[in-house]
Amino acid sequence: MKIVWSPLALERVEDTARYIAEDNPDVAIRWVEDLFAAVERLADFPKSGRMVPEVGSPRIRELMFGTYRVIYSTKDQIDILTVRRSSQLLRMSELGDDEA
């Protein structure tokens, strides 16, 4: 299954990597590589993430990656909607107009 990253999700990854790189650039690079590798596994196992509790739709799922939530939608492809720290509240606006 094809994986498509939203601009918001890519922006969140970039912001997080930039923050990590302030202390350790090598760790930031490894974090991004590991995140993308984890997400790539969704191509073969799109339903491996759990349903997002706040949404309650079987189509909106999340992959836990350390202390981060990779929130995605499954339909004809896998759309990576956003990446958030698990301690942050999810804003429904991050899911797009037709996702929630």
N, C-alpha and C. Protein backbone atom coordinates (compact mmCIF):
# COMPACT_ATOMS: atom_id res chain seq x y z
N MET A 1 0.85 -1.18 0.00
CA MET A 1 0.00 0.00 0.00
C MET A 1 0.90 1.24 0.00
N LYS A 2 0.49 2.24 -0.73
CA LYS A 2 1.26 3.48 -0.85
C LYS A 2 1.13 4.33 0.42
N ILE A 3 2.22 4.97 0.82
CA ILE A 3 2.23 5.86 1.98
C ILE A 3 2.46 7.29 1.50
N VAL A 4 1.58 8.20 1.92
CA VAL A 4 1.67 9.61 1.55
C VAL A 4 1.73 10.45 2.82
N TRP A 5 2.76 11.27 2.94
CA TRP A 5 2.93 12.14 4.10
C TRP A 5 2.28 13.49 3.83
N SER A 6 1.49 13.97 4.78
CA SER A 6 0.91 15.32 4.66
C SER A 6 1.99 16.36 4.94
N PRO A 7 1.82 17.56 4.41
CA PRO A 7 2.77 18.64 4.73
C PRO A 7 2.88 18.87 6.24
N LEU A 8 1.76 18.78 6.97
CA LEU A 8 1.79 18.99 8.42
C LEU A 8 2.64 17.93 9.10
N ALA A 9 2.48 16.67 8.72
CA ALA A 9 3.26 15.59 9.33
C ALA A 9 4.75 15.78 9.07
N LEU A 10 5.11 16.13 7.85
CA LEU A 10 6.52 16.36 7.53
C LEU A 10 7.08 17.55 8.29
N GLU A 11 6.27 18.58 8.45
CA GLU A 11 6.68 19.76 9.22
C GLU A 11 6.94 19.38 10.68
N ARG A 12 6.06 18.55 11.25
CA ARG A 12 6.23 18.12 12.63
C ARG A 12 7.50 17.28 12.80
N VAL A 13 7.79 16.42 11.84
CA VAL A 13 9.01 15.61 11.89
C VAL A 13 10.23 16.52 11.82
N GLU A 14 10.19 17.48 10.93
CA GLU A 14 11.31 18.41 10.78
C GLU A 14 11.52 19.23 12.05
N ASP A 15 10.45 19.73 12.63
CA ASP A 15 10.55 20.52 13.86
C ASP A 15 11.14 19.69 15.00
N THR A 16 10.70 18.46 15.12
CA THR A 16 11.20 17.58 16.18
C THR A 16 12.67 17.27 15.96
N ALA A 17 13.03 16.97 14.73
CA ALA A 17 14.44 16.66 14.43
C ALA A 17 15.32 17.87 14.70
N ARG A 18 14.84 19.03 14.36
CA ARG A 18 15.61 20.25 14.62
C ARG A 18 15.82 20.45 16.12
N TYR A 19 14.80 20.19 16.91
CA TYR A 19 14.89 20.32 18.36
C TYR A 19 15.89 19.31 18.93
N ILE A 20 15.81 18.06 18.50
CA ILE A 20 16.74 17.03 18.97
C ILE A 20 18.17 17.39 18.56
N ALA A 21 18.34 17.92 17.37
CA ALA A 21 19.67 18.24 16.83
C ALA A 21 20.36 19.35 17.63
N GLU A 22 19.60 20.16 18.35
CA GLU A 22 20.23 21.19 19.18
C GLU A 22 21.18 20.55 20.20
N ASP A 23 20.83 19.38 20.68
CA ASP A 23 21.68 18.66 21.64
C ASP A 23 22.59 17.65 20.97
N ASN A 24 22.05 16.95 19.95
CA ASN A 24 22.83 15.89 19.34
C ASN A 24 22.36 15.64 17.90
N PRO A 25 23.05 16.21 16.92
CA PRO A 25 22.63 16.04 15.52
C PRO A 25 22.58 14.58 15.06
N ASP A 26 23.50 13.75 15.54
CA ASP A 26 23.50 12.35 15.13
C ASP A 26 22.25 11.62 15.62
N VAL A 27 21.82 11.93 16.82
CA VAL A 27 20.61 11.32 17.36
C VAL A 27 19.39 11.78 16.57
N ALA A 28 19.38 13.03 16.15
CA ALA A 28 18.27 13.57 15.36
C ALA A 28 18.15 12.82 14.03
N ILE A 29 19.27 12.60 13.38
CA ILE A 29 19.26 11.87 12.11
C ILE A 29 18.77 10.45 12.31
N ARG A 30 19.25 9.80 13.34
CA ARG A 30 18.83 8.43 13.63
C ARG A 30 17.33 8.37 13.96
N TRP A 31 16.84 9.38 14.71
CA TRP A 31 15.42 9.42 15.06
C TRP A 31 14.56 9.48 13.80
N VAL A 32 14.94 10.35 12.86
CA VAL A 32 14.17 10.49 11.62
C VAL A 32 14.23 9.19 10.81
N GLU A 33 15.41 8.62 10.69
CA GLU A 33 15.55 7.36 9.93
C GLU A 33 14.70 6.26 10.55
N ASP A 34 14.74 6.14 11.86
CA ASP A 34 13.97 5.10 12.55
C ASP A 34 12.47 5.34 12.43
N LEU A 35 12.05 6.60 12.50
CA LEU A 35 10.64 6.94 12.35
C LEU A 35 10.14 6.54 10.96
N PHE A 36 10.88 6.92 9.93
CA PHE A 36 10.46 6.59 8.57
C PHE A 36 10.46 5.08 8.35
N ALA A 37 11.41 4.36 8.93
CA ALA A 37 11.44 2.90 8.81
C ALA A 37 10.21 2.28 9.48
N ALA A 38 9.84 2.79 10.65
CA ALA A 38 8.66 2.28 11.35
C ALA A 38 7.40 2.53 10.53
N VAL A 39 7.30 3.71 9.94
CA VAL A 39 6.12 4.04 9.13
C VAL A 39 6.08 3.19 7.86
N GLU A 40 7.21 2.91 7.27
CA GLU A 40 7.26 2.10 6.05
C GLU A 40 6.64 0.72 6.27
N ARG A 41 6.74 0.18 7.48
CA ARG A 41 6.15 -1.13 7.77
C ARG A 41 4.63 -1.11 7.64
N LEU A 42 4.04 0.08 7.73
CA LEU A 42 2.59 0.18 7.57
C LEU A 42 2.15 -0.19 6.16
N ALA A 43 3.04 -0.07 5.19
CA ALA A 43 2.69 -0.43 3.81
C ALA A 43 2.24 -1.89 3.73
N ASP A 44 2.87 -2.75 4.52
CA ASP A 44 2.51 -4.17 4.54
C ASP A 44 1.46 -4.50 5.60
N PHE A 45 1.41 -3.69 6.65
CA PHE A 45 0.50 -3.96 7.77
C PHE A 45 -0.25 -2.68 8.15
N PRO A 46 -1.12 -2.18 7.28
CA PRO A 46 -1.77 -0.89 7.52
C PRO A 46 -2.66 -0.84 8.76
N LYS A 47 -3.17 -1.96 9.18
CA LYS A 47 -4.06 -1.97 10.35
C LYS A 47 -3.32 -2.34 11.63
N SER A 48 -1.99 -2.32 11.59
CA SER A 48 -1.22 -2.70 12.77
C SER A 48 -1.28 -1.64 13.87
N GLY A 49 -1.56 -0.40 13.51
CA GLY A 49 -1.72 0.64 14.52
C GLY A 49 -3.10 0.55 15.15
N ARG A 50 -3.21 1.07 16.36
CA ARG A 50 -4.51 1.03 17.03
C ARG A 50 -5.39 2.17 16.55
N MET A 51 -6.70 2.01 16.74
CA MET A 51 -7.62 3.10 16.45
C MET A 51 -7.33 4.25 17.40
N VAL A 52 -7.43 5.47 16.91
CA VAL A 52 -7.19 6.65 17.74
C VAL A 52 -8.39 6.81 18.68
N PRO A 53 -8.16 6.73 20.00
CA PRO A 53 -9.28 6.77 20.95
C PRO A 53 -10.15 8.01 20.84
N GLU A 54 -9.54 9.16 20.58
CA GLU A 54 -10.31 10.41 20.51
C GLU A 54 -11.23 10.47 19.31
N VAL A 55 -10.96 9.66 18.29
CA VAL A 55 -11.72 9.73 17.05
C VAL A 55 -12.74 8.59 16.96
N GLY A 56 -12.32 7.38 17.27
CA GLY A 56 -13.23 6.25 17.26
C GLY A 56 -13.58 5.72 15.88
N SER A 57 -12.83 6.07 14.87
CA SER A 57 -13.07 5.57 13.51
C SER A 57 -12.03 4.50 13.19
N PRO A 58 -12.46 3.37 12.64
CA PRO A 58 -11.49 2.32 12.31
C PRO A 58 -10.51 2.74 11.22
N ARG A 59 -10.82 3.79 10.49
CA ARG A 59 -9.95 4.28 9.43
C ARG A 59 -8.83 5.17 9.95
N ILE A 60 -9.02 5.80 11.11
CA ILE A 60 -8.01 6.70 11.69
C ILE A 60 -7.27 5.91 12.76
N ARG A 61 -5.98 5.70 12.53
CA ARG A 61 -5.18 4.83 13.40
C ARG A 61 -3.92 5.56 13.82
N GLU A 62 -3.20 4.97 14.76
CA GLU A 62 -1.95 5.57 15.19
C GLU A 62 -0.89 4.50 15.43
N LEU A 63 0.31 4.87 15.09
CA LEU A 63 1.49 4.06 15.34
C LEU A 63 2.26 4.75 16.45
N MET A 64 2.53 4.04 17.52
CA MET A 64 3.32 4.63 18.60
C MET A 64 4.79 4.47 18.26
N PHE A 65 5.53 5.58 18.35
CA PHE A 65 6.96 5.57 18.07
C PHE A 65 7.64 6.30 19.23
N GLY A 66 8.12 5.53 20.18
CA GLY A 66 8.69 6.14 21.39
C GLY A 66 7.61 6.95 22.08
N THR A 67 7.87 8.22 22.30
CA THR A 67 6.89 9.10 22.96
C THR A 67 6.06 9.88 21.94
N TYR A 68 6.05 9.41 20.70
CA TYR A 68 5.32 10.10 19.63
C TYR A 68 4.21 9.23 19.07
N ARG A 69 3.16 9.90 18.59
CA ARG A 69 2.04 9.26 17.92
C ARG A 69 2.11 9.65 16.45
N VAL A 70 2.15 8.67 15.58
CA VAL A 70 2.06 8.91 14.14
C VAL A 70 0.62 8.56 13.77
N ILE A 71 -0.16 9.58 13.46
CA ILE A 71 -1.58 9.39 13.21
C ILE A 71 -1.80 9.34 11.71
N TYR A 72 -2.51 8.29 11.28
CA TYR A 72 -2.68 8.07 9.85
C TYR A 72 -4.09 7.59 9.53
N SER A 73 -4.42 7.70 8.26
CA SER A 73 -5.71 7.27 7.76
C SER A 73 -5.48 6.15 6.74
N THR A 74 -6.35 5.16 6.77
CA THR A 74 -6.27 4.08 5.78
C THR A 74 -7.52 4.09 4.93
N LYS A 75 -7.32 4.03 3.65
CA LYS A 75 -8.41 3.89 2.69
C LYS A 75 -7.80 3.27 1.45
N ASP A 76 -7.63 4.05 0.39
CA ASP A 76 -6.98 3.55 -0.82
C ASP A 76 -5.46 3.57 -0.67
N GLN A 77 -5.00 4.37 0.27
CA GLN A 77 -3.57 4.51 0.56
C GLN A 77 -3.45 4.85 2.04
N ILE A 78 -2.23 4.92 2.52
CA ILE A 78 -1.99 5.33 3.91
C ILE A 78 -1.59 6.79 3.89
N ASP A 79 -2.39 7.62 4.52
CA ASP A 79 -2.09 9.05 4.62
C ASP A 79 -1.59 9.34 6.02
N ILE A 80 -0.33 9.76 6.13
CA ILE A 80 0.22 10.16 7.42
C ILE A 80 -0.27 11.58 7.67
N LEU A 81 -1.13 11.74 8.66
CA LEU A 81 -1.80 13.01 8.90
C LEU A 81 -1.00 13.95 9.79
N THR A 82 -0.45 13.42 10.87
CA THR A 82 0.30 14.25 11.81
C THR A 82 1.19 13.39 12.68
N VAL A 83 2.16 14.02 13.30
CA VAL A 83 3.05 13.37 14.27
C VAL A 83 3.05 14.26 15.51
N ARG A 84 2.70 13.68 16.66
CA ARG A 84 2.59 14.47 17.89
C ARG A 84 3.22 13.72 19.05
N ARG A 85 3.72 14.48 20.01
CA ARG A 85 4.14 13.85 21.27
C ARG A 85 2.89 13.25 21.89
N SER A 86 3.05 12.12 22.52
CA SER A 86 1.87 11.45 23.09
C SER A 86 1.25 12.24 24.23
N SER A 87 2.01 13.16 24.83
CA SER A 87 1.47 13.98 25.92
C SER A 87 0.63 15.16 25.42
N GLN A 88 0.66 15.43 24.12
CA GLN A 88 -0.09 16.55 23.56
C GLN A 88 -1.49 16.11 23.16
N LEU A 89 -2.44 17.01 23.35
CA LEU A 89 -3.81 16.74 22.91
C LEU A 89 -3.86 16.79 21.39
N LEU A 90 -4.64 15.90 20.82
CA LEU A 90 -4.84 15.87 19.37
C LEU A 90 -5.90 16.89 18.98
N ARG A 91 -5.58 17.73 18.04
CA ARG A 91 -6.56 18.68 17.50
C ARG A 91 -7.21 18.03 16.28
N MET A 92 -8.53 17.98 16.27
CA MET A 92 -9.23 17.35 15.17
C MET A 92 -8.92 18.02 13.83
N SER A 93 -8.55 19.29 13.86
CA SER A 93 -8.22 20.00 12.62
C SER A 93 -6.98 19.39 11.94
N GLU A 94 -6.17 18.65 12.70
CA GLU A 94 -4.98 18.02 12.13
C GLU A 94 -5.32 16.80 11.28
N LEU A 95 -6.54 16.34 11.38
CA LEU A 95 -6.95 15.15 10.65
C LEU A 95 -7.47 15.46 9.26
N GLY A 96 -7.62 16.72 8.94
CA GLY A 96 -8.16 17.10 7.64
C GLY A 96 -9.67 17.17 7.70
N ASP A 97 -10.25 17.77 6.68
CA ASP A 97 -11.68 18.03 6.67
C ASP A 97 -12.55 16.76 6.60
N ASP A 98 -12.08 15.76 5.87
CA ASP A 98 -12.93 14.59 5.67
C ASP A 98 -12.47 13.38 6.45
N GLU A 99 -11.52 13.53 7.36
CA GLU A 99 -10.96 12.39 8.05
C GLU A 99 -11.69 12.02 9.32
N ALA A 100 -12.09 12.98 10.11
CA ALA A 100 -12.67 12.68 11.43
C ALA A 100 -14.11 12.25 11.32
